[in-house]
Amino acid sequence: MKKNVHVVGAIIENEKKEIFCALRSPEMILANYWEFPGGKIEAGETPEQALAREITEEFNCSIEVGDKVEDTTYEYEKVIVRLETYKAKLLTGEPIALEHAETKWVPREQLLQLNFAPADIPAVEKLIREN
């Protein structure tokens, strides 16, 4: 039986209307896919708390978590992922990739040019429609 994993992702938008995207490193599960940064929800955490913690741990900055954008379940080869994505804004610091291979700020209309992880695609499509 496949493992179920519940994760969260932050859609961080800057003043230029660009969205922060992170490339998973070759050492990570789902390597070389782009994603909205975030991670697993730990026991006792709300999705919003988990997202704030993960962004601090992985990108050395702090965010304010806003409205939920999407809630997607996707079955990969070895795992079933439930991904909740939330809009977020930077409070302190500029994101620095501590675990990811690369990061970049991308205009909404160019998001589909990146090779996003399949679970992220519904949120990407919703953001493009919002534009």
C-alpha atoms as a PDB file:
ATOM      1  CA  MET A   1       0.000   0.000   0.000  1.00  0.00           C
ATOM      2  CA  LYS A   2       1.213   3.490  -0.844  1.00  0.00           C
ATOM      3  CA  LYS A   3       2.102   5.954   1.875  1.00  0.00           C
ATOM      4  CA  ASN A   4      -0.141   9.026   2.217  1.00  0.00           C
ATOM      5  CA  VAL A   5       1.664  12.333   2.782  1.00  0.00           C
ATOM      6  CA  HIS A   6      -0.019  15.649   3.655  1.00  0.00           C
ATOM      7  CA  VAL A   7       2.027  18.674   2.589  1.00  0.00           C
ATOM      8  CA  VAL A   8       1.608  22.410   2.172  1.00  0.00           C
ATOM      9  CA  GLY A   9       2.995  24.893  -0.349  1.00  0.00           C
ATOM     10  CA  ALA A  10       3.365  28.670  -0.281  1.00  0.00           C
ATOM     11  CA  ILE A  11       2.470  30.860  -3.230  1.00  0.00           C
ATOM     12  CA  ILE A  12       4.614  33.865  -2.366  1.00  0.00           C
ATOM     13  CA  GLU A  13       4.052  36.829  -4.655  1.00  0.00           C
ATOM     14  CA  ASN A  14       6.267  39.912  -4.749  1.00  0.00           C
ATOM     15  CA  GLU A  15       5.407  43.521  -5.573  1.00  0.00           C
ATOM     16  CA  LYS A  16       6.213  42.867  -9.267  1.00  0.00           C
ATOM     17  CA  LYS A  17       3.504  40.165  -9.327  1.00  0.00           C
ATOM     18  CA  GLU A  18       6.133  37.428  -9.653  1.00  0.00           C
ATOM     19  CA  ILE A  19       5.749  34.125  -7.795  1.00  0.00           C
ATOM     20  CA  PHE A  20       8.548  32.411  -5.884  1.00  0.00           C
ATOM     21  CA  CYS A  21       9.298  28.923  -7.252  1.00  0.00           C
ATOM     22  CA  ALA A  22      11.806  26.331  -6.038  1.00  0.00           C
ATOM     23  CA  LEU A  23      13.505  23.489  -7.917  1.00  0.00           C
ATOM     24  CA  ARG A  24      13.752  20.237  -5.970  1.00  0.00           C
ATOM     25  CA  SER A  25      17.353  19.046  -5.715  1.00  0.00           C
ATOM     26  CA  PRO A  26      18.556  15.703  -7.142  1.00  0.00           C
ATOM     27  CA  GLU A  27      18.703  14.302  -3.575  1.00  0.00           C
ATOM     28  CA  MET A  28      15.005  14.996  -2.907  1.00  0.00           C
ATOM     29  CA  ILE A  29      11.994  12.820  -3.691  1.00  0.00           C
ATOM     30  CA  LEU A  30      10.449  14.137  -6.943  1.00  0.00           C
ATOM     31  CA  ALA A  31      13.881  15.499  -7.889  1.00  0.00           C
ATOM     32  CA  ASN A  32      14.195  18.187 -10.553  1.00  0.00           C
ATOM     33  CA  TYR A  33      10.556  19.285 -10.404  1.00  0.00           C
ATOM     34  CA  TRP A  34       9.644  22.888  -9.686  1.00  0.00           C
ATOM     35  CA  GLU A  35       7.256  23.501  -6.805  1.00  0.00           C
ATOM     36  CA  PHE A  36       5.669  26.049  -4.545  1.00  0.00           C
ATOM     37  CA  PRO A  37       7.935  25.742  -1.499  1.00  0.00           C
ATOM     38  CA  GLY A  38       6.700  24.134   1.692  1.00  0.00           C
ATOM     39  CA  GLY A  39       6.724  20.700   3.244  1.00  0.00           C
ATOM     40  CA  LYS A  40       5.117  18.134   5.496  1.00  0.00           C
ATOM     41  CA  ILE A  41       2.639  18.951   8.230  1.00  0.00           C
ATOM     42  CA  GLU A  42       3.943  17.679  11.573  1.00  0.00           C
ATOM     43  CA  ALA A  43       1.706  16.214  14.303  1.00  0.00           C
ATOM     44  CA  GLY A  44      -0.226  18.936  16.130  1.00  0.00           C
ATOM     45  CA  GLU A  45       0.346  21.612  13.474  1.00  0.00           C
ATOM     46  CA  THR A  46      -2.243  23.386  11.372  1.00  0.00           C
ATOM     47  CA  PRO A  47      -1.415  23.632   7.660  1.00  0.00           C
ATOM     48  CA  GLU A  48      -0.713  27.345   8.151  1.00  0.00           C
ATOM     49  CA  GLN A  49       1.696  26.702  11.048  1.00  0.00           C
ATOM     50  CA  ALA A  50       3.498  23.988   9.067  1.00  0.00           C
ATOM     51  CA  LEU A  51       3.902  26.293   6.084  1.00  0.00           C
ATOM     52  CA  ALA A  52       5.359  29.141   8.133  1.00  0.00           C
ATOM     53  CA  ARG A  53       7.780  26.714   9.839  1.00  0.00           C
ATOM     54  CA  GLU A  54       8.883  25.052   6.603  1.00  0.00           C
ATOM     55  CA  ILE A  55       9.591  28.363   4.858  1.00  0.00           C
ATOM     56  CA  THR A  56      11.692  29.505   7.829  1.00  0.00           C
ATOM     57  CA  GLU A  57      13.618  26.191   7.897  1.00  0.00           C
ATOM     58  CA  GLU A  58      14.190  25.827   4.147  1.00  0.00           C
ATOM     59  CA  PHE A  59      14.503  29.457   2.995  1.00  0.00           C
ATOM     60  CA  ASN A  60      15.604  31.453   6.069  1.00  0.00           C
ATOM     61  CA  CYS A  61      12.773  34.001   5.847  1.00  0.00           C
ATOM     62  CA  SER A  62       9.337  34.442   7.394  1.00  0.00           C
ATOM     63  CA  ILE A  63       5.922  34.630   5.776  1.00  0.00           C
ATOM     64  CA  GLU A  64       2.351  35.508   6.609  1.00  0.00           C
ATOM     65  CA  VAL A  65       0.041  32.752   5.364  1.00  0.00           C
ATOM     66  CA  GLY A  66      -3.100  33.936   3.601  1.00  0.00           C
ATOM     67  CA  ASP A  67      -6.021  32.311   1.806  1.00  0.00           C
ATOM     68  CA  LYS A  68      -6.027  28.731   0.570  1.00  0.00           C
ATOM     69  CA  VAL A  69      -5.684  28.503  -3.215  1.00  0.00           C
ATOM     70  CA  GLU A  70      -5.996  24.773  -3.909  1.00  0.00           C
ATOM     71  CA  ASP A  71      -6.301  21.368  -2.232  1.00  0.00           C
ATOM     72  CA  THR A  72      -5.064  18.593  -4.534  1.00  0.00           C
ATOM     73  CA  THR A  73      -4.489  14.875  -4.073  1.00  0.00           C
ATOM     74  CA  TYR A  74      -2.121  13.262  -6.557  1.00  0.00           C
ATOM     75  CA  GLU A  75      -1.007   9.635  -6.753  1.00  0.00           C
ATOM     76  CA  TYR A  76       2.662   9.307  -7.661  1.00  0.00           C
ATOM     77  CA  GLU A  77       4.441   6.011  -8.328  1.00  0.00           C
ATOM     78  CA  LYS A  78       5.356   5.403  -4.669  1.00  0.00           C
ATOM     79  CA  VAL A  79       3.296   7.877  -2.634  1.00  0.00           C
ATOM     80  CA  ILE A  80      -0.074   9.639  -2.530  1.00  0.00           C
ATOM     81  CA  VAL A  81       0.345  13.348  -1.848  1.00  0.00           C
ATOM     82  CA  ARG A  82      -2.288  15.739  -0.576  1.00  0.00           C
ATOM     83  CA  LEU A  83      -1.026  19.262  -1.290  1.00  0.00           C
ATOM     84  CA  GLU A  84      -2.710  22.334   0.155  1.00  0.00           C
ATOM     85  CA  THR A  85      -1.416  25.578  -1.351  1.00  0.00           C
ATOM     86  CA  TYR A  86      -1.839  28.986   0.286  1.00  0.00           C
ATOM     87  CA  LYS A  87      -1.111  32.520  -0.779  1.00  0.00           C
ATOM     88  CA  ALA A  88       1.599  34.039   1.366  1.00  0.00           C
ATOM     89  CA  LYS A  89       3.609  37.224   1.674  1.00  0.00           C
ATOM     90  CA  LEU A  90       7.141  37.772   2.877  1.00  0.00           C
ATOM     91  CA  LEU A  91       7.405  39.378   6.302  1.00  0.00           C
ATOM     92  CA  THR A  92      11.169  39.310   6.866  1.00  0.00           C
ATOM     93  CA  GLY A  93      14.160  38.362   4.774  1.00  0.00           C
ATOM     94  CA  GLU A  94      14.629  37.290   1.174  1.00  0.00           C
ATOM     95  CA  PRO A  95      14.270  33.551   0.506  1.00  0.00           C
ATOM     96  CA  ILE A  96      17.593  31.719   0.277  1.00  0.00           C
ATOM     97  CA  ALA A  97      17.577  28.091  -0.933  1.00  0.00           C
ATOM     98  CA  LEU A  98      19.068  25.947   1.838  1.00  0.00           C
ATOM     99  CA  GLU A  99      17.872  22.593   0.450  1.00  0.00           C
ATOM    100  CA  HIS A 100      16.625  23.265  -3.096  1.00  0.00           C
ATOM    101  CA  ALA A 101      18.780  23.246  -6.250  1.00  0.00           C
ATOM    102  CA  GLU A 102      17.527  26.611  -7.521  1.00  0.00           C
ATOM    103  CA  THR A 103      14.903  29.279  -6.921  1.00  0.00           C
ATOM    104  CA  LYS A 104      13.456  32.033  -9.073  1.00  0.00           C
ATOM    105  CA  TRP A 105      10.717  34.649  -9.194  1.00  0.00           C
ATOM    106  CA  VAL A 106       8.432  33.921 -12.153  1.00  0.00           C
ATOM    107  CA  PRO A 107       5.651  36.042 -13.697  1.00  0.00           C
ATOM    108  CA  ARG A 108       2.289  34.248 -13.442  1.00  0.00           C
ATOM    109  CA  GLU A 109       1.871  33.951 -17.192  1.00  0.00           C
ATOM    110  CA  GLN A 110       5.233  32.116 -17.430  1.00  0.00           C
ATOM    111  CA  LEU A 111       4.584  29.545 -14.667  1.00  0.00           C
ATOM    112  CA  LEU A 112       3.647  26.764 -17.096  1.00  0.00           C
ATOM    113  CA  GLN A 113       7.074  27.085 -18.746  1.00  0.00           C
ATOM    114  CA  LEU A 114       8.526  25.393 -15.641  1.00  0.00           C
ATOM    115  CA  ASN A 115       8.350  21.629 -15.122  1.00  0.00           C
ATOM    116  CA  PHE A 116       6.146  21.666 -12.005  1.00  0.00           C
ATOM    117  CA  ALA A 117       5.448  18.591  -9.907  1.00  0.00           C
ATOM    118  CA  PRO A 118       2.059  17.174 -10.978  1.00  0.00           C
ATOM    119  CA  ALA A 119       0.419  17.932  -7.610  1.00  0.00           C
ATOM    120  CA  ASP A 120       1.273  21.634  -8.087  1.00  0.00           C
ATOM    121  CA  ILE A 121      -0.315  21.935 -11.563  1.00  0.00           C
ATOM    122  CA  PRO A 122      -3.921  22.642 -10.442  1.00  0.00           C
ATOM    123  CA  ALA A 123      -2.700  25.588  -8.325  1.00  0.00           C
ATOM    124  CA  VAL A 124      -0.516  26.838 -11.210  1.00  0.00           C
ATOM    125  CA  GLU A 125      -3.494  26.724 -13.579  1.00  0.00           C
ATOM    126  CA  LYS A 126      -5.725  28.543 -11.067  1.00  0.00           C
ATOM    127  CA  LEU A 127      -3.110  31.313 -10.643  1.00  0.00           C
ATOM    128  CA  ILE A 128      -2.853  31.792 -14.399  1.00  0.00           C
ATOM    129  CA  ARG A 129      -6.655  32.022 -14.712  1.00  0.00           C
ATOM    130  CA  GLU A 130      -6.702  34.623 -11.893  1.00  0.00           C
ATOM    131  CA  ASN A 131      -4.256  36.879 -13.784  1.00  0.00           C
END
